[in-house]
Protein backbone atom coordinates (compact mmCIF):
# COMPACT_ATOMS: atom_id res chain seq x y z
CA MET A 1 -76.27 -4.32 135.39
CA ASP A 2 -76.58 -1.57 137.98
CA MET A 3 -78.27 1.19 136.59
CA LYS A 4 -76.08 4.59 136.72
CA VAL A 5 -76.73 8.16 136.04
CA LYS A 6 -75.08 7.87 132.57
CA ASN A 7 -76.98 5.01 131.66
CA LEU A 8 -80.15 6.91 132.47
CA MET A 9 -79.11 9.65 130.73
CA GLU A 10 -78.59 7.41 127.46
CA GLN A 11 -82.57 6.47 127.72
CA PHE A 12 -83.57 10.09 126.68
CA GLU A 13 -82.71 12.72 123.93
CA GLY A 14 -82.03 16.25 125.07
CA PHE A 15 -80.69 15.28 128.83
CA GLU A 16 -77.38 17.24 129.22
CA VAL A 17 -74.84 17.50 132.29
CA LEU A 18 -75.16 20.80 133.54
CA ALA A 19 -72.42 20.21 136.48
CA GLY A 20 -70.88 17.17 138.51
CA LYS A 21 -69.61 15.27 135.40
CA GLY A 22 -67.57 13.27 137.81
CA GLY A 23 -70.45 11.58 139.20
CA LEU A 24 -71.79 9.76 136.33
CA ASP A 25 -71.16 6.69 137.98
CA ARG A 26 -73.33 7.06 140.79
CA ARG A 27 -75.78 4.15 140.74
CA VAL A 28 -79.48 4.94 140.66
CA SER A 29 -82.12 3.09 142.65
CA THR A 30 -85.11 4.96 142.15
CA VAL A 31 -86.67 8.09 140.56
CA THR A 32 -88.59 10.47 142.55
CA VAL A 33 -90.27 14.19 142.09
CA MET A 34 -89.24 16.84 144.63
CA ASP A 35 -92.27 17.89 146.29
CA ALA A 36 -91.06 19.93 149.45
CA PRO A 37 -87.72 21.82 150.16
CA ASP A 38 -86.63 19.52 152.95
CA ILE A 39 -87.10 16.26 150.93
CA TYR A 40 -83.55 15.25 151.84
CA ASN A 41 -84.56 14.26 155.02
CA TRP A 42 -86.39 11.21 153.57
CA MET A 43 -83.61 10.21 151.06
CA LYS A 44 -82.58 6.36 151.51
CA GLY A 45 -79.88 6.82 148.79
CA GLY A 46 -79.69 6.14 145.09
CA GLU A 47 -82.57 8.60 144.08
CA PHE A 48 -82.50 10.46 141.04
CA LEU A 49 -84.73 13.57 141.93
CA ILE A 50 -86.57 15.60 139.44
CA THR A 51 -87.85 18.85 140.03
CA THR A 52 -89.17 22.21 138.10
CA ALA A 53 -87.45 24.12 140.58
CA TYR A 54 -90.87 25.82 141.16
CA ILE A 55 -89.96 26.15 145.14
CA MET A 56 -86.71 27.96 144.40
CA LYS A 57 -87.82 30.06 141.55
CA ASP A 58 -87.69 33.32 143.68
CA ASN A 59 -84.17 32.20 145.04
CA PRO A 60 -82.44 29.97 142.60
CA LEU A 61 -79.04 29.90 144.90
CA GLU A 62 -81.26 27.66 147.35
CA LEU A 63 -80.49 25.24 144.97
CA LYS A 64 -76.75 24.98 146.37
CA ASP A 65 -77.70 24.02 149.93
CA LEU A 66 -80.22 21.39 148.32
CA VAL A 67 -77.35 19.90 146.25
CA ILE A 68 -75.22 19.76 149.48
CA LYS A 69 -77.89 18.10 151.60
CA LEU A 70 -78.89 15.54 148.64
CA ASN A 71 -75.29 14.71 148.37
CA GLU A 72 -74.80 14.30 152.02
CA ASN A 73 -77.84 11.98 152.09
CA GLY A 74 -76.75 9.72 149.40
CA ALA A 75 -78.72 10.90 146.41
CA SER A 76 -77.71 9.79 142.98
CA ALA A 77 -78.32 13.42 140.86
CA LEU A 78 -80.92 16.10 140.49
CA GLY A 79 -82.78 16.65 137.43
CA ILE A 80 -83.97 20.20 136.72
CA LYS A 81 -86.37 21.57 134.19
CA ILE A 82 -84.27 24.56 133.33
CA GLY A 83 -86.34 27.38 131.35
CA ARG A 84 -89.53 26.75 132.94
CA PHE A 85 -89.21 28.49 136.40
CA ILE A 86 -85.43 29.09 136.67
CA GLU A 87 -83.98 30.51 133.16
CA LYS A 88 -80.36 29.44 134.10
CA LEU A 89 -78.36 27.22 136.85
CA PRO A 90 -76.71 29.63 138.69
CA GLN A 91 -72.70 29.63 138.55
CA GLU A 92 -72.20 29.40 142.36
CA VAL A 93 -74.63 25.98 142.05
CA LYS A 94 -72.89 24.47 139.22
CA GLU A 95 -69.41 24.93 141.02
CA THR A 96 -71.08 23.10 144.04
CA GLY A 97 -72.25 20.12 141.91
CA ASP A 98 -68.69 20.20 139.71
CA GLY A 99 -66.79 20.24 143.29
CA LEU A 100 -69.02 17.56 144.66
CA ASN A 101 -69.19 15.40 141.58
CA PHE A 102 -72.77 15.47 142.02
CA PRO A 103 -74.60 15.31 138.91
CA ILE A 104 -77.12 18.06 138.05
CA ILE A 105 -78.85 17.01 134.56
CA TYR A 106 -80.78 19.56 132.35
CA ILE A 107 -84.25 17.97 131.70
CA PRO A 108 -86.02 19.25 128.30
CA THR A 109 -89.26 21.14 129.45
CA ASN A 110 -91.52 19.21 126.85
CA LEU A 111 -90.91 15.93 128.99
CA ALA A 112 -93.53 15.12 131.43
CA PHE A 113 -92.36 13.45 134.77
CA SER A 114 -94.22 10.49 133.89
CA ASP A 115 -92.26 10.26 130.63
CA VAL A 116 -89.06 10.15 132.91
CA ILE A 117 -90.34 7.85 135.62
CA ASN A 118 -91.91 5.15 134.01
CA PRO A 119 -89.00 4.07 131.68
CA VAL A 120 -86.47 4.64 134.65
CA LEU A 121 -88.51 2.46 136.86
CA SER A 122 -88.99 0.09 134.29
CA LYS A 123 -85.51 -0.57 133.44
CA ILE A 124 -84.57 -0.41 137.47
CA VAL A 125 -87.06 -3.18 138.14
CA ASN A 126 -85.98 -5.18 134.87
CA ALA A 127 -82.15 -4.86 136.56
CA GLN A 128 -83.24 -5.99 139.89
CA ALA A 129 -85.07 -9.21 138.25
CA LYS A 130 -82.11 -9.94 136.28
CA LYS A 131 -79.79 -9.44 139.28
CA LEU A 132 -81.92 -11.93 141.41
CA MET A 133 -81.71 -14.69 138.29
CA MET A 134 -78.03 -13.89 138.44
CA SER A 135 -77.58 -14.16 142.13
CA GLU A 136 -79.53 -17.67 142.09
CA LYS A 137 -77.32 -18.83 139.29
CA ILE A 138 -74.17 -17.68 141.29
CA HIS A 139 -75.56 -19.23 144.47
CA LYS A 140 -75.88 -22.76 142.85
CA SER A 141 -72.43 -22.43 141.22
CA PHE A 142 -71.10 -22.04 144.68
CA THR A 143 -73.10 -24.56 146.25
CA GLN A 144 -72.13 -27.32 143.85
CA ILE A 145 -68.61 -26.67 144.75
CA VAL A 146 -69.40 -27.91 148.27
CA ILE A 147 -71.82 -30.38 147.29
CA GLU A 148 -69.15 -32.17 144.96
CA GLY A 149 -66.69 -31.88 148.03
CA LYS A 150 -64.17 -29.83 146.23
CA GLY A 151 -62.21 -27.09 148.36
CA THR A 152 -61.24 -23.34 148.65
CA GLY A 153 -59.16 -23.49 145.69
CA HIS A 154 -62.04 -24.12 143.46
CA ILE A 155 -64.15 -21.49 145.38
CA VAL A 156 -61.78 -18.72 144.69
CA GLU A 157 -61.26 -20.18 140.98
CA THR A 158 -65.09 -19.77 140.56
CA LEU A 159 -64.92 -16.22 142.36
CA TYR A 160 -62.14 -15.29 139.82
CA GLY A 161 -64.21 -16.58 136.53
CA ILE A 162 -67.72 -14.74 137.86
CA LEU A 163 -65.59 -11.49 138.88
CA ASP A 164 -63.26 -11.17 136.18
CA ARG A 165 -60.71 -9.65 138.77
CA ASN A 166 -57.83 -10.68 140.44
CA VAL A 167 -58.78 -12.38 143.89
CA ALA A 168 -57.34 -14.13 146.92
CA PHE A 169 -58.41 -15.64 150.08
CA MET A 170 -56.31 -15.26 153.07
CA ASP A 171 -57.09 -18.15 155.18
CA LEU A 172 -56.45 -17.30 158.80
CA VAL A 173 -57.23 -20.43 160.48
CA PHE A 174 -54.60 -22.86 158.49
CA ASN A 175 -52.62 -19.97 157.55
CA ARG A 176 -52.68 -20.30 153.69
CA ASN A 177 -53.33 -17.84 150.80
CA TYR A 178 -55.44 -18.95 147.69
CA ILE A 179 -54.66 -16.56 144.95
CA ARG A 180 -55.75 -16.71 141.46
CA SER A 181 -54.65 -13.73 139.58
CA LYS A 182 -53.06 -12.58 136.16
CA SER A 183 -51.01 -10.04 137.85
CA ASN A 184 -47.87 -10.79 139.42
CA LYS A 185 -47.97 -7.45 141.58
CA PHE A 186 -51.16 -8.63 143.35
CA LYS A 187 -49.79 -11.95 143.94
CA ASP A 188 -46.74 -10.78 145.28
CA ASP A 189 -48.76 -8.16 147.60
CA ILE A 190 -50.79 -11.29 148.91
CA GLU A 191 -47.46 -13.26 149.87
CA ASP A 192 -45.21 -10.74 150.97
CA LEU A 193 -47.28 -7.66 152.33
CA GLY A 194 -48.53 -8.06 156.14
CA LEU A 195 -52.28 -8.95 156.52
CA LYS A 196 -52.79 -5.15 157.74
CA THR A 197 -51.19 -3.71 154.54
CA VAL A 198 -53.28 -5.80 152.21
CA LEU A 199 -56.64 -4.89 154.10
CA ASP A 200 -55.79 -1.30 153.90
CA LYS A 201 -54.80 -1.42 150.19
CA TYR A 202 -57.28 -3.43 148.67
CA TYR A 203 -61.16 -4.05 148.87
CA ASN A 204 -61.76 -6.83 151.58
CA TYR A 205 -64.60 -8.85 152.67
CA PRO A 206 -64.37 -10.57 156.26
CA VAL A 207 -65.40 -14.11 156.29
CA GLN A 208 -66.68 -14.46 159.81
CA ILE A 209 -69.04 -16.19 162.03
CA GLY A 210 -69.84 -14.08 165.35
CA SER A 211 -66.87 -12.73 166.41
CA SER A 212 -64.47 -15.21 164.88
CA ILE A 213 -63.00 -14.10 161.61
CA TYR A 214 -61.71 -17.08 159.44
CA GLY A 215 -60.03 -15.04 156.70
CA TYR A 216 -60.88 -12.32 154.12
CA ILE A 217 -61.61 -12.19 150.43
CA ILE A 218 -59.31 -9.81 148.66
CA VAL A 219 -60.20 -8.25 145.33
CA GLU A 220 -58.07 -6.24 143.01
CA GLU A 221 -59.66 -2.95 143.69
CA GLY A 222 -58.51 0.15 145.85
CA LYS A 223 -60.39 0.72 148.78
CA ASP A 224 -61.50 3.75 147.60
CA ASP A 225 -62.24 3.28 143.93
CA ASN A 226 -65.97 1.70 144.35
CA SER A 227 -66.30 0.24 140.92
CA LEU A 228 -67.66 -3.34 142.44
CA GLU A 229 -71.21 -3.71 140.97
CA ASP A 230 -73.98 -4.89 143.29
CA LEU A 231 -73.65 -8.02 141.40
CA ASP A 232 -70.11 -8.34 142.34
CA ARG A 233 -70.77 -7.57 146.04
CA ILE A 234 -73.58 -10.56 145.69
CA THR A 235 -71.17 -12.79 144.29
CA ILE A 236 -68.58 -12.08 146.98
CA GLU A 237 -71.13 -12.93 149.74
CA HIS A 238 -72.04 -15.82 148.18
CA ALA A 239 -68.40 -17.05 147.99
CA SER A 240 -68.13 -16.03 151.91
CA THR A 241 -71.28 -18.37 152.61
CA VAL A 242 -69.52 -21.24 151.14
CA LEU A 243 -66.14 -20.43 152.64
CA LYS A 244 -67.75 -20.32 155.86
CA LEU A 245 -69.21 -24.13 155.46
CA ASN A 246 -65.75 -25.22 153.63
CA ILE A 247 -63.83 -24.08 156.26
CA GLN A 248 -66.09 -25.63 158.86
CA LYS A 249 -65.68 -28.93 157.45
CA GLU A 250 -61.97 -28.60 157.25
CA ILE A 251 -61.66 -27.39 161.09
CA SER A 252 -63.77 -30.71 162.04
CA ASN A 253 -61.61 -32.93 159.66
CA HIS A 254 -58.55 -31.34 161.10
CA GLN A 255 -59.72 -31.75 164.66
CA ILE A 256 -60.69 -35.34 164.04
CA GLU A 257 -57.31 -36.24 162.58
CA GLN A 258 -55.51 -34.19 165.37
CA LYS A 259 -57.13 -36.20 168.04
CA TYR A 260 -55.86 -39.57 166.62
CA ARG A 261 -52.70 -37.81 166.09
CA ASP A 262 -52.72 -36.45 169.48
CA GLU A 263 -53.33 -39.93 170.67
CA PHE A 264 -50.30 -41.72 168.96
CA ILE A 265 -47.73 -38.81 170.08
CA GLN A 266 -49.32 -39.10 173.75
CA ASP A 267 -48.99 -42.82 173.84
CA LEU A 268 -45.05 -42.29 172.64
CA LEU A 269 -44.82 -39.70 175.55
CA VAL A 270 -46.13 -42.06 178.42
CA ASN A 271 -44.25 -44.80 176.88
CA ASN A 272 -47.48 -46.88 176.00
CA ILE A 273 -45.69 -48.16 172.56
CA LYS A 274 -43.45 -51.05 173.26
CA THR A 275 -42.09 -51.67 169.79
CA VAL A 276 -40.66 -49.87 166.95
CA GLU A 277 -42.91 -51.69 164.69
CA GLU A 278 -46.09 -50.38 166.24
CA ALA A 279 -44.62 -46.87 166.41
CA ASN A 280 -43.60 -46.84 162.46
CA ASN A 281 -47.05 -48.44 161.67
CA ARG A 282 -49.04 -45.66 163.46
CA ALA A 283 -46.92 -42.74 162.17
CA ALA A 284 -47.55 -44.11 158.45
CA LEU A 285 -51.21 -43.94 158.72
CA TYR A 286 -50.26 -39.86 158.98
CA GLY A 287 -47.65 -40.21 156.03
CA TRP A 288 -44.85 -39.78 158.95
CA LYS A 289 -41.46 -41.32 158.93
CA MET A 290 -39.91 -41.28 162.44
CA ASP A 291 -36.72 -43.09 161.69
CA LYS A 292 -33.83 -40.82 162.51
CA GLY A 293 -34.08 -39.94 166.22
CA LEU A 294 -35.96 -37.33 167.83
CA VAL A 295 -35.69 -34.59 170.72
CA CYS A 296 -38.64 -33.65 172.95
CA LEU A 297 -39.03 -29.66 173.43
CA ILE A 298 -42.00 -28.36 175.73
CA VAL A 299 -43.20 -24.80 175.60
CA ASP A 300 -44.99 -24.07 178.97
CA ILE A 301 -47.20 -21.02 179.39
CA ASP A 302 -46.01 -19.14 182.44
CA ASP A 303 -48.67 -18.78 185.44
CA PHE A 304 -51.42 -19.79 183.11
CA LYS A 305 -53.47 -21.70 185.68
CA ASP A 306 -53.02 -18.94 188.23
CA ARG A 307 -55.59 -16.97 185.99
CA PHE A 308 -58.15 -19.43 186.52
CA ILE A 309 -59.24 -17.34 189.63
CA SER A 310 -62.93 -16.37 188.77
CA LEU A 311 -65.37 -17.09 185.84
CA GLU A 312 -65.07 -13.36 184.78
CA LYS A 313 -61.21 -13.44 184.69
CA THR A 314 -61.12 -16.69 182.66
CA LYS A 315 -63.54 -15.42 179.91
CA GLY A 316 -61.58 -15.93 176.64
CA LEU A 317 -58.53 -17.32 178.29
CA GLU A 318 -58.78 -20.73 176.62
CA GLU A 319 -58.97 -18.74 173.05
CA LYS A 320 -55.86 -16.75 173.95
CA ARG A 321 -54.05 -20.23 174.77
CA ASP A 322 -55.03 -21.81 171.67
CA ASN A 323 -53.97 -18.58 169.68
CA ILE A 324 -50.45 -18.90 171.57
CA PHE A 325 -50.22 -22.56 170.51
CA ARG A 326 -51.16 -21.73 167.12
CA LEU A 327 -48.59 -19.03 167.00
CA ILE A 328 -46.07 -21.59 168.60
CA ALA A 329 -46.92 -24.34 166.20
CA GLU A 330 -46.45 -22.12 163.25
CA LYS A 331 -43.10 -20.84 164.23
CA MET A 332 -41.85 -24.46 165.07
CA LYS A 333 -43.00 -25.95 161.80
CA LYS A 334 -41.17 -23.10 159.44
CA SER A 335 -38.07 -23.65 161.50
CA PHE A 336 -37.91 -27.37 161.62
CA TYR A 337 -38.04 -29.95 158.52
CA LYS A 338 -39.80 -32.75 160.56
CA CYS A 339 -41.81 -31.45 163.89
CA PHE A 340 -44.72 -33.46 165.41
CA TYR A 341 -46.58 -32.01 168.40
CA THR A 342 -49.43 -32.08 170.99
CA ASN A 343 -51.14 -30.05 173.14
CA TYR A 344 -51.70 -30.09 177.26
CA SER A 345 -53.52 -27.76 179.31
CA ASP A 346 -50.83 -24.87 179.25
CA SER A 347 -48.19 -26.60 177.32
CA ILE A 348 -47.45 -27.60 173.86
CA VAL A 349 -45.00 -30.80 173.48
CA PHE A 350 -42.85 -31.15 170.24
CA LEU A 351 -40.68 -34.16 168.88
CA ILE A 352 -38.30 -32.63 166.70
CA GLU A 353 -35.93 -34.69 163.99
CA PRO A 354 -32.45 -33.18 163.77
CA ASP A 355 -32.18 -31.24 160.55
CA VAL A 356 -28.40 -30.35 160.81
CA ASN A 357 -25.54 -32.68 160.63
CA SER A 358 -23.66 -32.08 164.03
CA MET A 359 -25.70 -32.57 167.29
CA GLU A 360 -24.07 -29.61 169.12
CA ASP A 361 -25.37 -27.34 166.05
CA PHE A 362 -28.69 -28.91 166.43
CA PHE A 363 -29.03 -28.11 170.12
CA ARG A 364 -27.92 -24.58 169.08
CA LYS A 365 -30.46 -23.99 166.82
CA LEU A 366 -33.00 -25.35 169.25
CA LYS A 367 -32.13 -22.76 171.78
CA ARG A 368 -32.05 -20.18 169.16
CA ILE A 369 -35.51 -21.03 167.85
CA SER A 370 -36.71 -21.23 171.55
CA GLU A 371 -35.76 -17.65 172.19
CA GLU A 372 -37.59 -16.47 169.09
CA VAL A 373 -40.58 -18.42 170.32
CA ARG A 374 -40.59 -17.02 173.82
CA LYS A 375 -40.15 -13.51 172.25
CA GLU A 376 -43.24 -14.16 170.06
CA VAL A 377 -45.19 -15.22 173.02
CA ARG A 378 -44.27 -12.06 175.06
CA GLU A 379 -44.90 -9.90 171.98
CA ASN A 380 -48.28 -11.21 171.08
CA SER A 381 -49.88 -12.04 174.34
CA GLN A 382 -49.99 -10.96 178.05
CA PHE A 383 -48.29 -14.24 178.79
CA THR A 384 -44.72 -15.38 178.82
CA ALA A 385 -43.45 -18.89 178.26
CA THR A 386 -40.52 -21.44 179.75
CA VAL A 387 -38.77 -23.99 177.37
CA GLY A 388 -37.58 -27.41 178.39
CA ILE A 389 -35.29 -29.31 176.03
CA GLY A 390 -34.87 -33.21 176.65
CA SER A 391 -31.97 -35.19 175.22
CA TYR A 392 -31.50 -37.06 171.79
CA LYS A 393 -33.12 -40.49 171.37
CA GLU A 394 -32.11 -42.30 168.51
CA SER A 395 -35.20 -44.76 168.95
CA VAL A 396 -38.61 -43.34 168.68
CA ILE A 397 -39.88 -45.59 171.58
CA ASP A 398 -37.32 -43.86 173.95
CA ILE A 399 -38.60 -40.53 173.15
CA TYR A 400 -40.94 -40.61 176.67
CA ILE A 401 -37.36 -40.49 178.24
CA SER A 402 -36.44 -37.02 176.50
CA PHE A 403 -40.31 -35.90 177.32
CA ILE A 404 -39.38 -36.79 181.18
CA GLU A 405 -36.14 -34.69 180.88
CA ALA A 406 -37.81 -31.86 178.94
CA GLN A 407 -40.62 -31.70 181.92
CA LYS A 408 -37.78 -31.58 184.36
CA ALA A 409 -36.01 -28.92 182.66
CA VAL A 410 -39.19 -26.70 182.96
CA ARG A 411 -39.71 -27.30 186.48
CA ILE A 412 -36.04 -27.19 187.70
CA GLY A 413 -35.38 -24.11 185.32
CA ARG A 414 -38.39 -22.19 186.44
CA THR A 415 -37.72 -22.70 190.44
CA ILE A 416 -33.64 -21.73 189.84
CA TYR A 417 -33.80 -19.33 187.26
CA ASP A 418 -37.68 -17.93 187.25
CA LYS A 419 -39.76 -17.79 184.45
CA ASP A 420 -39.30 -16.71 180.68
CA ASN A 421 -36.19 -18.79 179.88
CA THR A 422 -35.22 -21.77 177.71
CA HIS A 423 -33.45 -24.76 179.99
CA VAL A 424 -31.62 -27.72 178.18
CA TYR A 425 -31.96 -30.89 180.83
CA SER A 426 -28.18 -31.86 180.14
CA ASP A 427 -27.02 -28.06 180.92
CA LEU A 428 -28.68 -28.11 184.39
CA GLY A 429 -25.88 -30.06 186.12
CA VAL A 430 -26.31 -30.17 189.81
CA TYR A 431 -29.54 -29.11 190.06
CA LYS A 432 -30.78 -32.34 188.29
CA MET A 433 -29.52 -34.60 191.30
CA LEU A 434 -31.31 -31.82 193.65
CA TYR A 435 -34.31 -32.09 191.98
CA ASP A 436 -34.36 -35.86 192.69
CA VAL A 437 -33.31 -35.11 196.27
CA SER A 438 -36.42 -32.96 196.61
CA LEU A 439 -38.98 -35.88 195.82
CA GLU A 440 -37.62 -37.95 198.76
CA ASP A 441 -38.97 -37.90 202.36
CA GLU A 442 -35.58 -36.87 203.72
CA ALA A 443 -35.65 -33.77 201.76
CA ASN A 444 -39.16 -33.04 203.43
CA SER A 445 -37.98 -33.44 206.73
CA PHE A 446 -35.08 -31.53 206.11
CA CYS A 447 -36.97 -28.55 204.73
CA SER A 448 -39.89 -28.98 207.77
CA GLN A 449 -37.16 -28.92 210.42
CA TYR A 450 -36.23 -25.17 209.36
CA LEU A 451 -39.36 -23.90 207.43
CA GLU A 452 -42.42 -25.47 208.92
CA LYS A 453 -42.34 -22.99 212.10
CA LEU A 454 -42.32 -19.98 209.68
CA MET A 455 -44.89 -21.52 207.37
CA ASN A 456 -47.13 -22.22 210.29
CA TYR A 457 -46.69 -18.69 211.88
CA ASP A 458 -47.82 -17.32 208.29
CA ARG A 459 -50.99 -19.45 208.44
CA GLU A 460 -52.04 -18.48 211.91
CA ASN A 461 -51.02 -14.80 211.55
CA ASN A 462 -51.83 -14.02 207.97
CA GLY A 463 -48.07 -13.09 207.56
CA GLU A 464 -45.99 -13.09 204.18
CA TYR A 465 -42.77 -13.98 206.12
CA LEU A 466 -42.00 -16.98 203.85
CA GLU A 467 -42.31 -14.93 200.74
CA THR A 468 -39.99 -12.26 202.27
CA LEU A 469 -37.65 -15.10 202.97
CA GLY A 470 -37.82 -16.14 199.31
CA ARG A 471 -37.33 -12.61 197.90
CA LEU A 472 -34.47 -11.90 200.21
CA VAL A 473 -32.71 -15.25 199.09
CA LYS A 474 -33.52 -14.50 195.56
CA ASN A 475 -31.75 -10.63 196.12
CA ASP A 476 -28.72 -12.56 197.77
CA TRP A 477 -29.85 -11.48 201.11
CA ASN A 478 -29.63 -7.54 200.19
CA LEU A 479 -32.45 -6.27 202.73
CA LYS A 480 -32.75 -3.22 200.95
CA LYS A 481 -33.42 -4.37 197.47
CA THR A 482 -35.74 -6.76 199.17
CA ALA A 483 -37.60 -3.79 200.80
CA GLU A 484 -37.72 -1.88 197.49
CA ASP A 485 -39.33 -5.27 195.60
CA LEU A 486 -41.77 -5.57 198.58
CA PHE A 487 -42.65 -1.98 198.75
CA ILE A 488 -41.73 -1.57 202.28
CA HIS A 489 -39.44 0.64 204.65
CA TYR A 490 -36.02 -0.49 205.20
CA ASN A 491 -36.56 -0.54 208.85
CA THR A 492 -39.73 -2.89 208.31
CA MET A 493 -37.60 -5.21 206.40
CA LYS A 494 -34.64 -5.14 209.33
CA TYR A 495 -37.68 -6.16 211.54
CA ARG A 496 -39.01 -8.76 209.45
CA PHE A 497 -35.35 -10.01 208.79
CA THR A 498 -35.07 -10.23 212.80
CA LYS A 499 -38.31 -11.82 213.32
CA ILE A 500 -37.79 -14.44 210.52
CA SER A 501 -34.20 -15.30 212.15
CA ALA A 502 -36.17 -15.91 215.48
CA ILE A 503 -39.02 -17.94 214.31
CA VAL A 504 -36.63 -20.44 212.12
CA ASN A 505 -33.98 -20.25 215.17
CA LEU A 506 -30.91 -19.64 212.87
CA ASP A 507 -28.34 -16.96 212.65
CA LEU A 508 -29.18 -15.50 209.04
CA ASN A 509 -26.06 -13.65 209.37
CA ASN A 510 -24.17 -16.76 209.35
CA ARG A 511 -22.88 -18.28 205.76
CA GLU A 512 -23.67 -21.96 206.85
CA ASP A 513 -27.22 -21.04 208.12
CA LYS A 514 -27.87 -18.99 205.18
CA PHE A 515 -27.04 -22.22 202.81
CA LYS A 516 -29.51 -24.25 204.96
CA ILE A 517 -32.24 -21.97 204.37
CA GLU A 518 -31.37 -21.47 200.67
CA LEU A 519 -31.12 -25.41 200.11
CA CYS A 520 -34.82 -25.77 201.95
CA LEU A 521 -36.28 -23.23 199.76
CA LYS A 522 -34.62 -24.87 196.32
CA LEU A 523 -35.94 -28.28 197.67
CA MET A 524 -39.42 -27.12 198.63
CA ASN A 525 -39.78 -25.11 195.40
CA MET A 526 -39.16 -27.98 193.28
CA SER A 527 -41.32 -30.53 195.29
CA ARG A 528 -44.05 -27.79 194.98
CA GLN A 529 -43.71 -27.37 191.08
CA TYR A 530 -43.72 -31.06 190.83
CA SER A 531 -47.16 -31.50 192.77
CA LEU A 532 -48.62 -28.57 191.19
CA TYR A 533 -47.80 -30.14 187.71
CA MET A 534 -48.67 -33.85 188.57
CA LYS A 535 -52.00 -32.45 189.53
CA THR A 536 -52.67 -31.36 185.98
CA SER A 537 -50.34 -33.59 184.04
CA ILE A 538 -51.38 -36.35 182.11
């Protein structure tokens, strides 16, 4: 439907290609007469420029620079009345046209410019009118799909039928590919190659609103082939519009359904469902069966709340968190046959049904997948994550116990072993008891006895002795290593050590006194972790 140089030539007898035969597929949007040597400065693209070459009659080689400039500014072709003011197209000009694939067309001298301009413009206008009519028809076809409540698959099918090319839509929101293709190679590429490779290989059109990209329309055309007609591109734009509407509707429906699913799972986690019958009936609303026992697993983003320091620093933070949650959820759903989940402020909680025969093998798989999840978080974000795993519960209404255990595994594990680790509650041994002790008043009194003076000193003097002590214990009382970690001189570290010993009134060279401090710090950190968690927990 687009007017091309070759179509234009077919309208007239006597037109010949003098150079640039490789550019006959260039699109023609208008035709104009050259009336100045620098006319290329007013080119908008797609012009078929016609001339008698009178301006260059004294130096025909000036045509070479003209051809270069016209090509750079998007002109379609140059038509010259050879034989009137220029007897022959210079060889150098011909070679330039051939090298640029820029068509230079011979126009017979007996044709007036109006004999060329009027028929070409008439055909262009008719083509544009037909294009508008077809565009309206295509728009109605896509709009009807949305009105009838049909989905993304129907949109891609319609696009395939109109373009008569292999097409696909790579949905980045729900991580699905819709492919309509007669070619196995195209289908295999979409399914097997990564997104970046596909975008580099094929023509693609982003489906986006603002800065949010919902996905890409992929058409089987090399990125540099440029064989899509204007109407093809208009069709793709119409498809993109209805895809946006459809995806937004899916997102809305998903959010509503996810809200009710979250409420159900959260009711299970806080022991707000008292009978198996109620749990089974509510699960059935979503096509779920929870009859084979479950294990709770929590993935908690390390230091996420610490990033909420200022408005400037928190811009985009929630979007980054949601991207992390999406990454984790996709990994877990691919790894386990049945996997139910819900989100909290900085953690995502999974209820997982065992999918291997041995419970020992299942927990081994849980730990392996947890390591892979943490690795993906590290490699795809600026965060790390800590994983806590509770025990297996045969009855769905007992899963809240596994949830509590997974919470404790995160808090205890992070205190004892630092961040970015995986912790199974049953493997924490004596630290489980130590955690319970940390919540008692006696533990607070014990910690205050030895550390309250140090904390007060830091507050009154804007000091860092408690932090220094914590780092020292972590480094197994190694003064040199602690000095390096804190970026202070070794003598400064020795002074701090002596000062801390005096403030807490203990001999920190004595093994028994060291143990008291180590125990106090662990108890205090556990209770602090607990208090911090309770402020933001459900």
